[in-house]
């Protein structure tokens, strides 16, 4: 039945960004954890950029490969031309909605009319991201900040660790209770990104000021504040959205800031999680 299911069309929606996330993020690892040891046909499966790359053995008569999602629905289908042994499925950045995470099935078919698959294997597509640290530029001047900006020392960097099997995609950093949001009489300040988060650790720099207390027109009235929380949430395409909270102390007279406590919070469920 899977061989006869037609592919549904889906609107392509690349994540747009009002920021180039400058400087670019730094990754320390890019493993996948994908294994096909239980298969005689599927020789290798790995993530390459936004794509899931699938290789079959040269001895197999595979003409089509179906990728079936955790709900048992056909996610995508690839056709192998004669003598081809590799197929590619776009995983990240393909859909506007989040990617369903969990156990996917790869099915090798000799033809679309074939009743029996040649072989199948199960792979886990999941991303488990958490924010391990939030760094203030003023306290970490030697990092790779965009020092062309006159307020670079008000920027922040977020360290995100992915313990999953595939990359996720960061689309937004939302800063609830940030000093710059309070300065603008807002609850939160959001910056949009398009940053790949491979398994391992990635540092993402804010697109603009986070710890700013002075604007072109007025300054933040720190006399009305004491120690207030700031929570950053990373909006990701794959897996739950992690958060991290800092307690920021506002000095009454000079409006100097001090981070007095910080730590990760619980991840919130995203549309891509089953």
C-alpha atoms as a PDB file:
ATOM      1  CA  UNK A   1       0.000   0.000   0.000  1.00  0.00           C
ATOM      2  CA  UNK A   2       2.859   2.359   0.802  1.00  0.00           C
ATOM      3  CA  UNK A   3       4.227   1.878  -2.686  1.00  0.00           C
ATOM      4  CA  UNK A   4       0.987   3.079  -4.205  1.00  0.00           C
ATOM      5  CA  UNK A   5       0.529   6.156  -2.053  1.00  0.00           C
ATOM      6  CA  UNK A   6       1.027   9.330  -4.054  1.00  0.00           C
ATOM      7  CA  UNK A   7       3.087  12.109  -2.651  1.00  0.00           C
ATOM      8  CA  UNK A   8       1.080  15.017  -1.348  1.00  0.00           C
ATOM      9  CA  UNK A   9       2.291  18.458  -2.261  1.00  0.00           C
ATOM     10  CA  UNK A  10       3.425  20.782   0.474  1.00  0.00           C
ATOM     11  CA  UNK A  11       4.174  24.485   0.293  1.00  0.00           C
ATOM     12  CA  UNK A  12       7.852  25.093   0.659  1.00  0.00           C
ATOM     13  CA  UNK A  13       8.582  27.539   3.380  1.00  0.00           C
ATOM     14  CA  UNK A  14      12.192  28.527   3.967  1.00  0.00           C
ATOM     15  CA  UNK A  15      12.696  30.301   7.256  1.00  0.00           C
ATOM     16  CA  UNK A  16      13.161  33.997   6.657  1.00  0.00           C
ATOM     17  CA  UNK A  17      15.226  36.107   8.951  1.00  0.00           C
ATOM     18  CA  UNK A  18      15.603  39.773   9.713  1.00  0.00           C
ATOM     19  CA  UNK A  19      19.111  38.914  10.840  1.00  0.00           C
ATOM     20  CA  UNK A  20      22.010  37.047   9.328  1.00  0.00           C
ATOM     21  CA  UNK A  21      23.033  35.964  12.853  1.00  0.00           C
ATOM     22  CA  UNK A  22      26.345  37.748  12.542  1.00  0.00           C
ATOM     23  CA  UNK A  23      28.867  36.413  13.491  1.00  0.00           C
ATOM     24  CA  UNK A  24      27.889  32.964  12.276  1.00  0.00           C
ATOM     25  CA  UNK A  25      27.296  30.207  14.785  1.00  0.00           C
ATOM     26  CA  UNK A  26      30.112  27.890  15.857  1.00  0.00           C
ATOM     27  CA  UNK A  27      29.536  24.128  16.023  1.00  0.00           C
ATOM     28  CA  UNK A  28      31.711  21.670  17.896  1.00  0.00           C
ATOM     29  CA  UNK A  29      30.169  18.390  16.689  1.00  0.00           C
ATOM     30  CA  UNK A  30      28.030  17.053  13.872  1.00  0.00           C
ATOM     31  CA  UNK A  31      27.325  13.365  14.568  1.00  0.00           C
ATOM     32  CA  UNK A  32      24.057  11.722  13.618  1.00  0.00           C
ATOM     33  CA  UNK A  33      23.611   8.491  15.553  1.00  0.00           C
ATOM     34  CA  UNK A  34      21.687   6.966  12.629  1.00  0.00           C
ATOM     35  CA  UNK A  35      22.267   3.240  12.182  1.00  0.00           C
ATOM     36  CA  UNK A  36      21.213   0.706   9.532  1.00  0.00           C
ATOM     37  CA  UNK A  37      23.011  -2.342  10.940  1.00  0.00           C
ATOM     38  CA  UNK A  38      19.803  -4.397  10.769  1.00  0.00           C
ATOM     39  CA  UNK A  39      19.508  -3.973   6.979  1.00  0.00           C
ATOM     40  CA  UNK A  40      21.112  -5.854   4.099  1.00  0.00           C
ATOM     41  CA  UNK A  41      20.042  -3.194   1.564  1.00  0.00           C
ATOM     42  CA  UNK A  42      20.475   0.184   3.285  1.00  0.00           C
ATOM     43  CA  UNK A  43      24.234   0.697   3.481  1.00  0.00           C
ATOM     44  CA  UNK A  44      24.344   4.147   5.101  1.00  0.00           C
ATOM     45  CA  UNK A  45      22.041   6.896   6.370  1.00  0.00           C
ATOM     46  CA  UNK A  46      23.303  10.288   7.545  1.00  0.00           C
ATOM     47  CA  UNK A  47      22.365  13.956   7.739  1.00  0.00           C
ATOM     48  CA  UNK A  48      24.116  16.290   5.304  1.00  0.00           C
ATOM     49  CA  UNK A  49      23.093  19.887   5.808  1.00  0.00           C
ATOM     50  CA  UNK A  50      19.291  19.998   5.630  1.00  0.00           C
ATOM     51  CA  UNK A  51      19.059  16.632   3.858  1.00  0.00           C
ATOM     52  CA  UNK A  52      18.828  13.020   4.954  1.00  0.00           C
ATOM     53  CA  UNK A  53      21.187  11.099   2.661  1.00  0.00           C
ATOM     54  CA  UNK A  54      20.340   7.417   2.075  1.00  0.00           C
ATOM     55  CA  UNK A  55      22.630   4.913   0.362  1.00  0.00           C
ATOM     56  CA  UNK A  56      21.668   1.398  -0.755  1.00  0.00           C
ATOM     57  CA  UNK A  57      24.019  -1.409  -1.735  1.00  0.00           C
ATOM     58  CA  UNK A  58      25.006  -1.712  -5.385  1.00  0.00           C
ATOM     59  CA  UNK A  59      23.729  -5.298  -5.475  1.00  0.00           C
ATOM     60  CA  UNK A  60      20.145  -4.346  -4.609  1.00  0.00           C
ATOM     61  CA  UNK A  61      17.479  -3.765  -7.256  1.00  0.00           C
ATOM     62  CA  UNK A  62      16.042  -0.757  -5.434  1.00  0.00           C
ATOM     63  CA  UNK A  63      14.261   1.701  -7.725  1.00  0.00           C
ATOM     64  CA  UNK A  64      12.239   3.666  -5.142  1.00  0.00           C
ATOM     65  CA  UNK A  65      12.754   4.539  -1.480  1.00  0.00           C
ATOM     66  CA  UNK A  66       9.818   5.536   0.712  1.00  0.00           C
ATOM     67  CA  UNK A  67      10.337   7.531   3.908  1.00  0.00           C
ATOM     68  CA  UNK A  68       7.394   6.895   6.252  1.00  0.00           C
ATOM     69  CA  UNK A  69       6.822   9.152   9.282  1.00  0.00           C
ATOM     70  CA  UNK A  70       5.985   8.050  12.857  1.00  0.00           C
ATOM     71  CA  UNK A  71       2.261   8.292  12.055  1.00  0.00           C
ATOM     72  CA  UNK A  72       2.598   5.705   9.279  1.00  0.00           C
ATOM     73  CA  UNK A  73       2.136   8.301   6.539  1.00  0.00           C
ATOM     74  CA  UNK A  74       4.386   8.715   3.525  1.00  0.00           C
ATOM     75  CA  UNK A  75       6.673  11.651   4.287  1.00  0.00           C
ATOM     76  CA  UNK A  76       8.586  11.567   1.001  1.00  0.00           C
ATOM     77  CA  UNK A  77       9.591   9.284  -1.851  1.00  0.00           C
ATOM     78  CA  UNK A  78      12.770   9.153  -3.922  1.00  0.00           C
ATOM     79  CA  UNK A  79      13.407   7.472  -7.249  1.00  0.00           C
ATOM     80  CA  UNK A  80      16.774   5.985  -8.095  1.00  0.00           C
ATOM     81  CA  UNK A  81      17.833   6.206 -11.696  1.00  0.00           C
ATOM     82  CA  UNK A  82      19.669   3.284 -13.236  1.00  0.00           C
ATOM     83  CA  UNK A  83      22.945   2.524 -11.418  1.00  0.00           C
ATOM     84  CA  UNK A  84      22.187   5.140  -8.738  1.00  0.00           C
ATOM     85  CA  UNK A  85      22.663   4.034  -5.140  1.00  0.00           C
ATOM     86  CA  UNK A  86      22.027   7.297  -3.259  1.00  0.00           C
ATOM     87  CA  UNK A  87      18.880   9.303  -2.544  1.00  0.00           C
ATOM     88  CA  UNK A  88      18.278  12.530  -0.650  1.00  0.00           C
ATOM     89  CA  UNK A  89      15.306  13.665   1.459  1.00  0.00           C
ATOM     90  CA  UNK A  90      14.998  17.277   2.582  1.00  0.00           C
ATOM     91  CA  UNK A  91      14.348  17.276   6.330  1.00  0.00           C
ATOM     92  CA  UNK A  92      15.093  20.761   7.696  1.00  0.00           C
ATOM     93  CA  UNK A  93      13.593  23.941   6.288  1.00  0.00           C
ATOM     94  CA  UNK A  94      11.184  22.054   4.053  1.00  0.00           C
ATOM     95  CA  UNK A  95       7.870  22.678   5.778  1.00  0.00           C
ATOM     96  CA  UNK A  96       6.422  25.622   7.623  1.00  0.00           C
ATOM     97  CA  UNK A  97       5.309  23.307  10.451  1.00  0.00           C
ATOM     98  CA  UNK A  98       7.604  21.439  12.793  1.00  0.00           C
ATOM     99  CA  UNK A  99       9.040  18.096  11.785  1.00  0.00           C
ATOM    100  CA  UNK A 100       7.352  15.143  13.537  1.00  0.00           C
ATOM    101  CA  UNK A 101       9.991  13.421  15.644  1.00  0.00           C
ATOM    102  CA  UNK A 102      10.280   9.724  16.402  1.00  0.00           C
ATOM    103  CA  UNK A 103      10.767   6.463  14.529  1.00  0.00           C
ATOM    104  CA  UNK A 104      10.812   6.735  10.719  1.00  0.00           C
ATOM    105  CA  UNK A 105      10.814   3.764   8.330  1.00  0.00           C
ATOM    106  CA  UNK A 106      12.847   3.539   5.137  1.00  0.00           C
ATOM    107  CA  UNK A 107      11.337   1.114   2.613  1.00  0.00           C
ATOM    108  CA  UNK A 108      13.197  -0.100  -0.508  1.00  0.00           C
ATOM    109  CA  UNK A 109      10.974  -0.973  -3.490  1.00  0.00           C
ATOM    110  CA  UNK A 110      11.758  -2.541  -6.830  1.00  0.00           C
ATOM    111  CA  UNK A 111       8.828  -0.734  -8.466  1.00  0.00           C
ATOM    112  CA  UNK A 112       5.723   1.216  -7.500  1.00  0.00           C
ATOM    113  CA  UNK A 113       3.616  -1.786  -8.484  1.00  0.00           C
ATOM    114  CA  UNK A 114       5.522  -4.148  -6.203  1.00  0.00           C
ATOM    115  CA  UNK A 115       3.468  -5.696  -3.411  1.00  0.00           C
ATOM    116  CA  UNK A 116       6.461  -6.675  -1.281  1.00  0.00           C
ATOM    117  CA  UNK A 117       9.304  -4.356  -0.291  1.00  0.00           C
ATOM    118  CA  UNK A 118      12.885  -5.444  -0.895  1.00  0.00           C
ATOM    119  CA  UNK A 119      13.872  -4.374   2.592  1.00  0.00           C
ATOM    120  CA  UNK A 120      13.075  -1.839   5.318  1.00  0.00           C
ATOM    121  CA  UNK A 121      14.829  -0.289   8.285  1.00  0.00           C
ATOM    122  CA  UNK A 122      13.841   2.009  11.136  1.00  0.00           C
ATOM    123  CA  UNK A 123      15.726   5.178  12.079  1.00  0.00           C
ATOM    124  CA  UNK A 124      15.145   7.692  14.852  1.00  0.00           C
ATOM    125  CA  UNK A 125      14.842  11.336  13.784  1.00  0.00           C
ATOM    126  CA  UNK A 126      14.931  13.425  16.914  1.00  0.00           C
ATOM    127  CA  UNK A 127      16.575  16.527  18.322  1.00  0.00           C
ATOM    128  CA  UNK A 128      16.923  17.152  22.040  1.00  0.00           C
ATOM    129  CA  UNK A 129      18.125  20.715  22.519  1.00  0.00           C
ATOM    130  CA  UNK A 130      18.819  22.546  25.759  1.00  0.00           C
ATOM    131  CA  UNK A 131      20.332  25.934  26.542  1.00  0.00           C
ATOM    132  CA  UNK A 132      23.395  25.465  28.731  1.00  0.00           C
ATOM    133  CA  UNK A 133      24.526  29.075  29.079  1.00  0.00           C
ATOM    134  CA  UNK A 134      23.667  32.692  28.218  1.00  0.00           C
ATOM    135  CA  UNK A 135      26.637  35.055  27.956  1.00  0.00           C
ATOM    136  CA  UNK A 136      26.636  38.855  28.164  1.00  0.00           C
ATOM    137  CA  UNK A 137      29.046  40.583  25.785  1.00  0.00           C
ATOM    138  CA  UNK A 138      30.131  43.139  28.396  1.00  0.00           C
ATOM    139  CA  UNK A 139      31.352  40.286  30.614  1.00  0.00           C
ATOM    140  CA  UNK A 140      32.847  38.263  27.748  1.00  0.00           C
ATOM    141  CA  UNK A 141      34.517  40.802  25.416  1.00  0.00           C
ATOM    142  CA  UNK A 142      36.921  38.286  23.845  1.00  0.00           C
ATOM    143  CA  UNK A 143      34.161  36.329  22.128  1.00  0.00           C
ATOM    144  CA  UNK A 144      33.335  36.754  18.440  1.00  0.00           C
ATOM    145  CA  UNK A 145      30.969  39.726  18.761  1.00  0.00           C
ATOM    146  CA  UNK A 146      30.028  42.072  15.931  1.00  0.00           C
ATOM    147  CA  UNK A 147      32.098  44.986  17.182  1.00  0.00           C
ATOM    148  CA  UNK A 148      31.037  47.125  14.218  1.00  0.00           C
ATOM    149  CA  UNK A 149      27.899  47.764  16.239  1.00  0.00           C
ATOM    150  CA  UNK A 150      28.148  50.698  18.684  1.00  0.00           C
ATOM    151  CA  UNK A 151      26.149  48.680  21.243  1.00  0.00           C
ATOM    152  CA  UNK A 152      27.897  45.330  20.782  1.00  0.00           C
ATOM    153  CA  UNK A 153      28.540  45.112  24.530  1.00  0.00           C
ATOM    154  CA  UNK A 154      24.760  44.866  25.049  1.00  0.00           C
ATOM    155  CA  UNK A 155      24.530  41.705  22.934  1.00  0.00           C
ATOM    156  CA  UNK A 156      24.077  38.173  24.249  1.00  0.00           C
ATOM    157  CA  UNK A 157      25.203  34.725  23.135  1.00  0.00           C
ATOM    158  CA  UNK A 158      23.201  31.552  23.717  1.00  0.00           C
ATOM    159  CA  UNK A 159      24.943  28.173  23.986  1.00  0.00           C
ATOM    160  CA  UNK A 160      22.651  25.369  22.758  1.00  0.00           C
ATOM    161  CA  UNK A 161      23.456  21.666  23.157  1.00  0.00           C
ATOM    162  CA  UNK A 162      21.694  19.101  20.945  1.00  0.00           C
ATOM    163  CA  UNK A 163      21.731  15.544  22.304  1.00  0.00           C
ATOM    164  CA  UNK A 164      19.514  14.167  19.526  1.00  0.00           C
ATOM    165  CA  UNK A 165      20.275  12.083  16.443  1.00  0.00           C
ATOM    166  CA  UNK A 166      19.716  14.830  13.835  1.00  0.00           C
ATOM    167  CA  UNK A 167      20.131  18.611  13.640  1.00  0.00           C
ATOM    168  CA  UNK A 168      17.363  20.982  14.599  1.00  0.00           C
ATOM    169  CA  UNK A 169      16.825  24.442  13.129  1.00  0.00           C
ATOM    170  CA  UNK A 170      16.682  27.570  15.291  1.00  0.00           C
ATOM    171  CA  UNK A 171      14.155  30.068  13.922  1.00  0.00           C
ATOM    172  CA  UNK A 172      13.794  32.554  16.786  1.00  0.00           C
ATOM    173  CA  UNK A 173      15.266  33.639  20.121  1.00  0.00           C
ATOM    174  CA  UNK A 174      12.591  35.195  22.337  1.00  0.00           C
ATOM    175  CA  UNK A 175      13.871  37.278  25.248  1.00  0.00           C
ATOM    176  CA  UNK A 176      11.099  37.656  27.863  1.00  0.00           C
ATOM    177  CA  UNK A 177      11.808  40.383  30.420  1.00  0.00           C
ATOM    178  CA  UNK A 178      15.055  41.469  28.748  1.00  0.00           C
ATOM    179  CA  UNK A 179      16.353  44.925  29.748  1.00  0.00           C
ATOM    180  CA  UNK A 180      15.982  46.134  26.146  1.00  0.00           C
ATOM    181  CA  UNK A 181      12.357  44.943  26.133  1.00  0.00           C
ATOM    182  CA  UNK A 182      11.659  46.811  29.385  1.00  0.00           C
ATOM    183  CA  UNK A 183      13.278  49.897  27.845  1.00  0.00           C
ATOM    184  CA  UNK A 184      10.727  49.700  25.023  1.00  0.00           C
ATOM    185  CA  UNK A 185       7.825  48.965  27.425  1.00  0.00           C
ATOM    186  CA  UNK A 186       7.408  45.485  25.958  1.00  0.00           C
ATOM    187  CA  UNK A 187       7.111  42.086  27.584  1.00  0.00           C
ATOM    188  CA  UNK A 188       9.648  40.482  25.263  1.00  0.00           C
ATOM    189  CA  UNK A 189      12.117  41.140  22.459  1.00  0.00           C
ATOM    190  CA  UNK A 190      12.363  38.606  19.620  1.00  0.00           C
ATOM    191  CA  UNK A 191      15.135  38.146  17.069  1.00  0.00           C
ATOM    192  CA  UNK A 192      14.691  35.812  14.117  1.00  0.00           C
ATOM    193  CA  UNK A 193      17.398  33.389  13.027  1.00  0.00           C
ATOM    194  CA  UNK A 194      18.017  30.526  10.636  1.00  0.00           C
ATOM    195  CA  UNK A 195      20.723  28.571  12.424  1.00  0.00           C
ATOM    196  CA  UNK A 196      21.337  24.854  12.099  1.00  0.00           C
ATOM    197  CA  UNK A 197      21.806  23.063  15.427  1.00  0.00           C
ATOM    198  CA  UNK A 198      23.679  19.795  14.781  1.00  0.00           C
ATOM    199  CA  UNK A 199      24.247  17.197  17.514  1.00  0.00           C
ATOM    200  CA  UNK A 200      26.803  18.756  19.806  1.00  0.00           C
ATOM    201  CA  UNK A 201      27.144  22.356  20.956  1.00  0.00           C
ATOM    202  CA  UNK A 202      26.370  25.548  19.023  1.00  0.00           C
ATOM    203  CA  UNK A 203      26.828  29.189  20.059  1.00  0.00           C
ATOM    204  CA  UNK A 204      24.286  31.637  18.632  1.00  0.00           C
ATOM    205  CA  UNK A 205      24.803  35.395  18.871  1.00  0.00           C
ATOM    206  CA  UNK A 206      21.859  37.760  19.340  1.00  0.00           C
ATOM    207  CA  UNK A 207      20.928  39.903  16.369  1.00  0.00           C
ATOM    208  CA  UNK A 208      20.907  43.110  18.412  1.00  0.00           C
ATOM    209  CA  UNK A 209      20.855  44.512  21.944  1.00  0.00           C
ATOM    210  CA  UNK A 210      19.563  42.374  24.824  1.00  0.00           C
ATOM    211  CA  UNK A 211      21.038  44.077  27.910  1.00  0.00           C
ATOM    212  CA  UNK A 212      20.469  47.674  26.753  1.00  0.00           C
ATOM    213  CA  UNK A 213      19.069  50.175  29.260  1.00  0.00           C
ATOM    214  CA  UNK A 214      19.488  53.409  27.275  1.00  0.00           C
ATOM    215  CA  UNK A 215      17.711  54.415  24.094  1.00  0.00           C
ATOM    216  CA  UNK A 216      17.853  57.378  21.736  1.00  0.00           C
ATOM    217  CA  UNK A 217      14.889  59.055  23.479  1.00  0.00           C
ATOM    218  CA  UNK A 218      14.916  57.851  27.075  1.00  0.00           C
ATOM    219  CA  UNK A 219      16.571  55.515  29.572  1.00  0.00           C
ATOM    220  CA  UNK A 220      15.169  52.682  31.631  1.00  0.00           C
ATOM    221  CA  UNK A 221      13.946  53.778  35.067  1.00  0.00           C
ATOM    222  CA  UNK A 222      15.892  51.287  37.148  1.00  0.00           C
ATOM    223  CA  UNK A 223      14.629  52.829  40.372  1.00  0.00           C
ATOM    224  CA  UNK A 224      11.354  50.996  39.785  1.00  0.00           C
ATOM    225  CA  UNK A 225      13.143  47.670  39.437  1.00  0.00           C
ATOM    226  CA  UNK A 226      15.011  45.394  41.783  1.00  0.00           C
ATOM    227  CA  UNK A 227      16.030  41.880  40.792  1.00  0.00           C
ATOM    228  CA  UNK A 228      13.994  40.758  37.793  1.00  0.00           C
ATOM    229  CA  UNK A 229      13.958  37.559  35.687  1.00  0.00           C
ATOM    230  CA  UNK A 230      14.908  37.379  32.006  1.00  0.00           C
ATOM    231  CA  UNK A 231      14.024  34.170  30.148  1.00  0.00           C
ATOM    232  CA  UNK A 232      15.282  33.339  26.678  1.00  0.00           C
ATOM    233  CA  UNK A 233      13.429  30.670  24.702  1.00  0.00           C
ATOM    234  CA  UNK A 234      14.879  29.053  21.584  1.00  0.00           C
ATOM    235  CA  UNK A 235      12.157  28.350  19.022  1.00  0.00           C
ATOM    236  CA  UNK A 236      13.296  25.272  17.106  1.00  0.00           C
ATOM    237  CA  UNK A 237      11.890  23.297  14.194  1.00  0.00           C
ATOM    238  CA  UNK A 238      12.667  19.853  15.605  1.00  0.00           C
ATOM    239  CA  UNK A 239      11.931  18.870  19.202  1.00  0.00           C
ATOM    240  CA  UNK A 240      10.829  20.915  22.243  1.00  0.00           C
ATOM    241  CA  UNK A 241      11.788  24.592  22.678  1.00  0.00           C
ATOM    242  CA  UNK A 242      14.403  25.000  25.449  1.00  0.00           C
ATOM    243  CA  UNK A 243      14.594  28.011  27.775  1.00  0.00           C
ATOM    244  CA  UNK A 244      17.059  29.581  30.190  1.00  0.00           C
ATOM    245  CA  UNK A 245      16.448  32.160  32.940  1.00  0.00           C
ATOM    246  CA  UNK A 246      18.750  34.779  34.447  1.00  0.00           C
ATOM    247  CA  UNK A 247      17.986  36.896  37.490  1.00  0.00           C
ATOM    248  CA  UNK A 248      19.195  40.427  36.717  1.00  0.00           C
ATOM    249  CA  UNK A 249      19.798  43.008  39.428  1.00  0.00           C
ATOM    250  CA  UNK A 250      19.134  46.640  38.433  1.00  0.00           C
ATOM    251  CA  UNK A 251      21.140  49.299  40.291  1.00  0.00           C
ATOM    252  CA  UNK A 252      18.950  52.244  41.388  1.00  0.00           C
ATOM    253  CA  UNK A 253      21.340  55.119  40.745  1.00  0.00           C
ATOM    254  CA  UNK A 254      23.496  54.261  37.721  1.00  0.00           C
ATOM    255  CA  UNK A 255      21.241  51.549  36.260  1.00  0.00           C
ATOM    256  CA  UNK A 256      24.158  49.148  36.163  1.00  0.00           C
ATOM    257  CA  UNK A 257      23.215  45.515  35.632  1.00  0.00           C
ATOM    258  CA  UNK A 258      24.436  42.423  37.426  1.00  0.00           C
ATOM    259  CA  UNK A 259      23.541  38.805  36.746  1.00  0.00           C
ATOM    260  CA  UNK A 260      22.993  37.242  40.165  1.00  0.00           C
ATOM    261  CA  UNK A 261      21.565  33.822  39.253  1.00  0.00           C
ATOM    262  CA  UNK A 262      20.988  31.782  36.111  1.00  0.00           C
ATOM    263  CA  UNK A 263      20.068  28.323  34.890  1.00  0.00           C
ATOM    264  CA  UNK A 264      18.124  26.316  32.291  1.00  0.00           C
ATOM    265  CA  UNK A 265      14.373  25.907  32.525  1.00  0.00           C
ATOM    266  CA  UNK A 266      12.029  23.204  31.295  1.00  0.00           C
ATOM    267  CA  UNK A 267      11.582  22.825  27.550  1.00  0.00           C
ATOM    268  CA  UNK A 268       8.143  23.604  26.200  1.00  0.00           C
ATOM    269  CA  UNK A 269       6.429  21.226  23.790  1.00  0.00           C
ATOM    270  CA  UNK A 270       6.657  22.178  20.109  1.00  0.00           C
ATOM    271  CA  UNK A 271       4.558  21.102  17.156  1.00  0.00           C
ATOM    272  CA  UNK A 272       7.273  18.719  16.004  1.00  0.00           C
ATOM    273  CA  UNK A 273       7.169  16.557  19.114  1.00  0.00           C
ATOM    274  CA  UNK A 274       4.995  13.458  19.298  1.00  0.00           C
END
